[in-house]
């Protein structure tokens, strides 16, 4: 089995270095293909990538693009793996993540997409909270937000072979459009009770910028979602409670790369820290 990981990046070399290390050290029988799409960064990213010529898993290009979703679509076109993941430059895989992905897809031939969990961390690696995936429904997402972490989602290449792509006219919620269209198509997926990634709260994450809130407000929603949004959201929160989204068995340990480190450093979440909404 071959797994392709697509990483869009722009002027994010500090975090990209950790991202690459976390892909390189995955212990798995699967073949790994890491595709990095750089938007002509000016922080030394192209020069750094050029110095990684001995990394046989790595394929990269550096050229001006039309935004993150254009970069992702370019990466999808380049991907040759049977399984595909999207790992942003400010994210990194936790140990053993990709071998778990391999096992799940090999043992579940009828499942085409899986959704896992993620830990949110500070730039120094200390914990912020945990984010657990729970049953994805397109109408629950439309009534609220994309409560699935894209770095912890993996899917079979048949999804892109069927023509699914990111909406390049969007700046921030193209991933919501992408996964809602997949959910609406009836493609079979499964929530996996496993932590696959760490997401760094850098302070400049796209989801925190005004464009994200503007695009969320500007979404065209079916009338019944607009009128019954509070009720639909209440259902979503109930599902999250029932599926254990607000609780975790503690302590929760994760091991990640921090700035300047060539080895993973262990951290612990010792309190029930979670995203509230």
Protein backbone atom coordinates (compact mmCIF):
# COMPACT_ATOMS: atom_id res chain seq x y z
CA UNK A 1 0.00 0.00 0.00
CA UNK A 2 1.17 3.52 -0.81
CA UNK A 3 0.11 6.59 1.18
CA UNK A 4 0.43 10.07 -0.32
CA UNK A 5 0.60 13.07 2.01
CA UNK A 6 -0.02 16.52 0.53
CA UNK A 7 1.36 19.56 2.38
CA UNK A 8 0.65 23.10 1.14
CA UNK A 9 3.01 25.71 2.60
CA UNK A 10 3.87 29.38 2.36
CA UNK A 11 6.50 31.15 4.48
CA UNK A 12 6.19 28.55 7.23
CA UNK A 13 9.65 26.98 7.29
CA UNK A 14 9.91 26.78 11.09
CA UNK A 15 6.88 24.50 11.27
CA UNK A 16 7.46 22.77 7.93
CA UNK A 17 10.72 21.32 9.27
CA UNK A 18 8.80 19.60 12.08
CA UNK A 19 6.11 18.50 9.62
CA UNK A 20 8.69 16.78 7.40
CA UNK A 21 10.42 15.07 10.34
CA UNK A 22 7.07 13.69 11.52
CA UNK A 23 6.42 12.11 8.12
CA UNK A 24 9.95 10.76 7.74
CA UNK A 25 9.97 8.85 11.03
CA UNK A 26 6.72 6.96 10.48
CA UNK A 27 7.36 3.25 11.02
CA UNK A 28 5.11 1.42 8.59
CA UNK A 29 5.08 -1.24 5.90
CA UNK A 30 3.33 1.22 3.61
CA UNK A 31 5.26 3.22 1.03
CA UNK A 32 5.12 6.94 1.89
CA UNK A 33 4.99 9.75 -0.65
CA UNK A 34 5.25 13.28 0.79
CA UNK A 35 4.24 16.01 -1.68
CA UNK A 36 5.02 19.59 -0.64
CA UNK A 37 3.48 22.44 -2.63
CA UNK A 38 5.22 25.70 -1.76
CA UNK A 39 3.80 29.02 -2.91
CA UNK A 40 7.17 30.66 -3.71
CA UNK A 41 8.05 31.29 -0.08
CA UNK A 42 10.62 33.97 0.74
CA UNK A 43 11.72 32.51 4.10
CA UNK A 44 14.22 30.01 2.73
CA UNK A 45 11.76 27.16 2.17
CA UNK A 46 12.82 26.39 -1.45
CA UNK A 47 16.48 26.39 -0.46
CA UNK A 48 15.78 24.10 2.50
CA UNK A 49 13.80 21.66 0.34
CA UNK A 50 16.53 21.67 -2.27
CA UNK A 51 18.92 20.47 0.43
CA UNK A 52 16.71 17.40 1.07
CA UNK A 53 17.58 15.75 -2.25
CA UNK A 54 18.48 12.53 -0.42
CA UNK A 55 14.92 12.21 0.93
CA UNK A 56 13.48 9.71 -1.54
CA UNK A 57 9.96 10.05 -0.09
CA UNK A 58 9.81 13.75 -0.85
CA UNK A 59 8.46 15.46 -3.97
CA UNK A 60 8.11 19.22 -4.04
CA UNK A 61 7.50 22.24 -6.21
CA UNK A 62 7.82 25.93 -5.42
CA UNK A 63 5.84 28.33 -7.58
CA UNK A 64 3.28 31.09 -7.24
CA UNK A 65 -0.23 29.76 -6.71
CA UNK A 66 -3.73 31.10 -6.19
CA UNK A 67 -4.00 30.11 -2.55
CA UNK A 68 -4.03 27.05 -0.33
CA UNK A 69 -6.79 25.19 -2.16
CA UNK A 70 -5.14 25.68 -5.53
CA UNK A 71 -1.96 24.26 -3.95
CA UNK A 72 -3.89 21.30 -2.52
CA UNK A 73 -5.47 20.52 -5.88
CA UNK A 74 -2.04 20.54 -7.49
CA UNK A 75 -0.88 18.11 -4.84
CA UNK A 76 -3.86 15.83 -5.41
CA UNK A 77 -3.06 15.73 -9.12
CA UNK A 78 0.52 14.69 -8.31
CA UNK A 79 -0.45 12.04 -5.73
CA UNK A 80 0.09 8.42 -6.78
CA UNK A 81 -0.85 6.66 -3.53
CA UNK A 82 -3.85 4.45 -2.83
CA UNK A 83 -4.53 6.47 0.34
CA UNK A 84 -4.28 10.25 0.58
CA UNK A 85 -3.86 12.59 3.54
CA UNK A 86 -3.67 16.40 3.82
CA UNK A 87 -1.17 17.67 6.40
CA UNK A 88 -0.74 21.43 6.68
CA UNK A 89 2.71 22.83 7.39
CA UNK A 90 1.71 23.76 10.97
CA UNK A 91 0.68 20.17 11.68
CA UNK A 92 2.66 17.02 12.33
CA UNK A 93 1.87 13.34 12.57
CA UNK A 94 2.07 11.55 15.89
CA UNK A 95 4.18 8.36 16.13
CA UNK A 96 2.71 5.37 14.32
CA UNK A 97 -0.08 7.38 12.70
CA UNK A 98 0.44 6.17 9.15
CA UNK A 99 0.83 2.52 10.06
CA UNK A 100 -2.50 2.71 11.89
CA UNK A 101 -3.99 4.27 8.75
CA UNK A 102 -2.57 1.43 6.65
CA UNK A 103 -4.03 -1.24 8.93
CA UNK A 104 -7.47 0.36 9.02
CA UNK A 105 -7.80 0.57 5.25
CA UNK A 106 -6.42 -2.92 4.70
CA UNK A 107 -8.90 -4.37 7.20
CA UNK A 108 -11.92 -2.31 6.05
CA UNK A 109 -12.22 -2.63 2.28
CA UNK A 110 -15.66 -0.99 2.21
CA UNK A 111 -14.53 2.14 4.05
CA UNK A 112 -13.30 4.94 1.79
CA UNK A 113 -12.57 7.71 4.32
CA UNK A 114 -11.62 7.82 8.00
CA UNK A 115 -11.73 10.62 10.58
CA UNK A 116 -9.39 10.64 13.57
CA UNK A 117 -8.49 12.84 16.54
CA UNK A 118 -5.98 15.65 17.01
CA UNK A 119 -4.16 17.48 19.82
CA UNK A 120 -3.86 21.26 19.72
CA UNK A 121 -0.47 22.54 20.87
CA UNK A 122 1.39 25.80 21.45
CA UNK A 123 4.46 26.65 19.34
CA UNK A 124 6.70 25.31 22.13
CA UNK A 125 4.82 22.00 22.08
CA UNK A 126 2.89 22.42 25.33
CA UNK A 127 -0.77 21.34 25.24
CA UNK A 128 -3.74 23.53 24.49
CA UNK A 129 -6.51 20.95 24.23
CA UNK A 130 -7.67 17.81 22.45
CA UNK A 131 -10.11 17.68 19.54
CA UNK A 132 -11.96 14.41 19.03
CA UNK A 133 -13.85 13.67 15.83
CA UNK A 134 -17.43 12.51 16.08
CA UNK A 135 -20.07 11.37 13.60
CA UNK A 136 -19.79 13.61 10.53
CA UNK A 137 -23.02 14.78 8.91
CA UNK A 138 -22.96 17.45 6.23
CA UNK A 139 -25.96 19.32 7.68
CA UNK A 140 -24.42 19.37 11.17
CA UNK A 141 -21.27 20.90 9.69
CA UNK A 142 -23.25 23.44 7.67
CA UNK A 143 -25.14 24.52 10.77
CA UNK A 144 -21.90 25.04 12.70
CA UNK A 145 -18.36 24.53 11.40
CA UNK A 146 -16.07 21.77 10.13
CA UNK A 147 -15.57 19.92 13.42
CA UNK A 148 -13.26 17.39 11.78
CA UNK A 149 -9.53 18.11 11.67
CA UNK A 150 -8.31 17.76 8.09
CA UNK A 151 -4.87 16.53 9.18
CA UNK A 152 -6.52 13.51 10.80
CA UNK A 153 -8.60 12.59 7.75
CA UNK A 154 -7.46 10.01 5.18
CA UNK A 155 -9.27 8.75 2.08
CA UNK A 156 -8.89 6.36 -0.81
CA UNK A 157 -7.76 7.81 -4.12
CA UNK A 158 -11.08 6.79 -5.71
CA UNK A 159 -12.44 9.99 -4.17
CA UNK A 160 -10.22 12.18 -6.33
CA UNK A 161 -10.68 9.81 -9.26
CA UNK A 162 -14.40 10.60 -8.97
CA UNK A 163 -13.59 14.27 -9.46
CA UNK A 164 -13.74 15.70 -5.92
CA UNK A 165 -11.55 18.78 -5.60
CA UNK A 166 -11.14 21.80 -3.31
CA UNK A 167 -13.00 24.98 -4.28
CA UNK A 168 -10.24 27.36 -5.35
CA UNK A 169 -12.46 30.44 -5.14
CA UNK A 170 -12.49 30.08 -1.34
CA UNK A 171 -9.70 31.20 0.98
CA UNK A 172 -10.54 29.43 4.23
CA UNK A 173 -13.52 27.05 4.13
CA UNK A 174 -12.64 25.08 1.00
CA UNK A 175 -12.00 22.04 3.18
CA UNK A 176 -15.55 22.32 4.54
CA UNK A 177 -16.93 22.40 0.99
CA UNK A 178 -14.74 19.45 0.01
CA UNK A 179 -15.73 17.15 2.85
CA UNK A 180 -19.41 18.16 2.84
CA UNK A 181 -19.62 17.26 -0.85
CA UNK A 182 -18.05 13.88 -0.05
CA UNK A 183 -20.51 13.29 2.80
CA UNK A 184 -23.48 14.28 0.63
CA UNK A 185 -22.39 11.83 -2.06
CA UNK A 186 -22.90 8.89 0.29
CA UNK A 187 -19.27 7.77 0.38
CA UNK A 188 -18.76 5.49 3.37
CA UNK A 189 -16.56 6.72 6.20
CA UNK A 190 -15.73 5.86 9.79
CA UNK A 191 -14.65 7.76 12.90
CA UNK A 192 -11.48 6.23 14.36
CA UNK A 193 -10.82 6.57 18.10
CA UNK A 194 -7.15 7.41 17.60
CA UNK A 195 -4.99 10.54 17.70
CA UNK A 196 -3.19 11.01 14.39
CA UNK A 197 -1.93 14.61 14.44
CA UNK A 198 -0.79 17.62 16.43
CA UNK A 199 -1.99 21.05 15.26
CA UNK A 200 0.11 24.07 16.24
CA UNK A 201 -1.72 27.22 17.34
CA UNK A 202 0.77 29.64 15.79
CA UNK A 203 -1.42 32.73 16.17
CA UNK A 204 -1.54 33.18 12.42
CA UNK A 205 -3.58 30.09 11.53
CA UNK A 206 -5.97 30.71 8.66
CA UNK A 207 -8.99 29.58 10.67
CA UNK A 208 -8.41 32.51 13.07
CA UNK A 209 -8.37 35.20 10.37
CA UNK A 210 -11.34 37.46 9.46
CA UNK A 211 -11.67 35.84 6.03
CA UNK A 212 -12.70 32.60 7.74
CA UNK A 213 -15.57 34.23 9.61
CA UNK A 214 -16.60 36.17 6.50
CA UNK A 215 -16.77 33.02 4.39
CA UNK A 216 -18.70 31.16 7.08
CA UNK A 217 -21.24 34.00 7.29
CA UNK A 218 -21.50 34.12 3.51
CA UNK A 219 -22.35 30.45 3.03
CA UNK A 220 -25.54 29.72 1.12
CA UNK A 221 -27.48 27.33 3.32
CA UNK A 222 -30.73 25.44 2.69
CA UNK A 223 -33.69 27.24 4.24
CA UNK A 224 -34.29 24.49 6.80
CA UNK A 225 -30.73 24.76 8.11
CA UNK A 226 -31.04 28.55 8.40
CA UNK A 227 -34.33 28.34 10.32
CA UNK A 228 -33.54 25.35 12.50
CA UNK A 229 -29.85 26.04 13.10
CA UNK A 230 -30.12 26.17 16.95
CA UNK A 231 -31.99 22.86 17.00
CA UNK A 232 -29.54 21.21 14.58
CA UNK A 233 -26.62 22.48 16.65
CA UNK A 234 -28.20 21.05 19.79
CA UNK A 235 -28.35 17.66 18.06
CA UNK A 236 -24.69 17.99 17.09
CA UNK A 237 -23.63 18.77 20.65
CA UNK A 238 -25.70 15.85 21.96
CA UNK A 239 -23.96 13.51 19.51
CA UNK A 240 -20.61 14.83 20.68
CA UNK A 241 -21.54 14.20 24.31
CA UNK A 242 -22.80 10.68 23.61
CA UNK A 243 -19.68 9.79 21.61
CA UNK A 244 -17.32 11.09 24.30
CA UNK A 245 -16.10 14.17 22.48
CA UNK A 246 -15.77 16.19 25.70
CA UNK A 247 -13.91 13.59 27.71
CA UNK A 248 -10.62 11.72 27.40
CA UNK A 249 -8.85 9.13 29.50
CA UNK A 250 -6.00 11.00 31.19
CA UNK A 251 -3.13 11.50 31.19
CA UNK A 252 -2.97 11.75 27.41
CA UNK A 253 0.62 11.57 26.17
CA UNK A 254 1.83 12.77 22.80
CA UNK A 255 5.31 12.99 21.34
CA UNK A 256 6.19 15.72 18.86
CA UNK A 257 9.01 17.69 17.29
CA UNK A 258 9.73 21.14 18.67
CA UNK A 259 11.89 23.94 17.29
CA UNK A 260 15.48 22.88 16.71
CA UNK A 261 14.91 19.30 17.87
CA UNK A 262 15.80 16.21 15.86
CA UNK A 263 13.99 13.89 18.26
CA UNK A 264 10.43 13.85 19.51
CA UNK A 265 9.74 15.34 22.90
CA UNK A 266 7.01 13.91 25.19
CA UNK A 267 4.18 16.01 26.60
CA UNK A 268 1.15 15.20 28.73
CA UNK A 269 -2.40 16.52 28.81
CA UNK A 270 -3.45 16.10 32.42
CA UNK A 271 -6.74 18.04 32.44
CA UNK A 272 -9.96 17.67 30.49
CA UNK A 273 -9.05 20.37 27.99
CA UNK A 274 -11.24 20.39 24.89
CA UNK A 275 -12.64 22.83 22.37
CA UNK A 276 -16.02 23.92 23.67
CA UNK A 277 -18.17 24.37 20.58
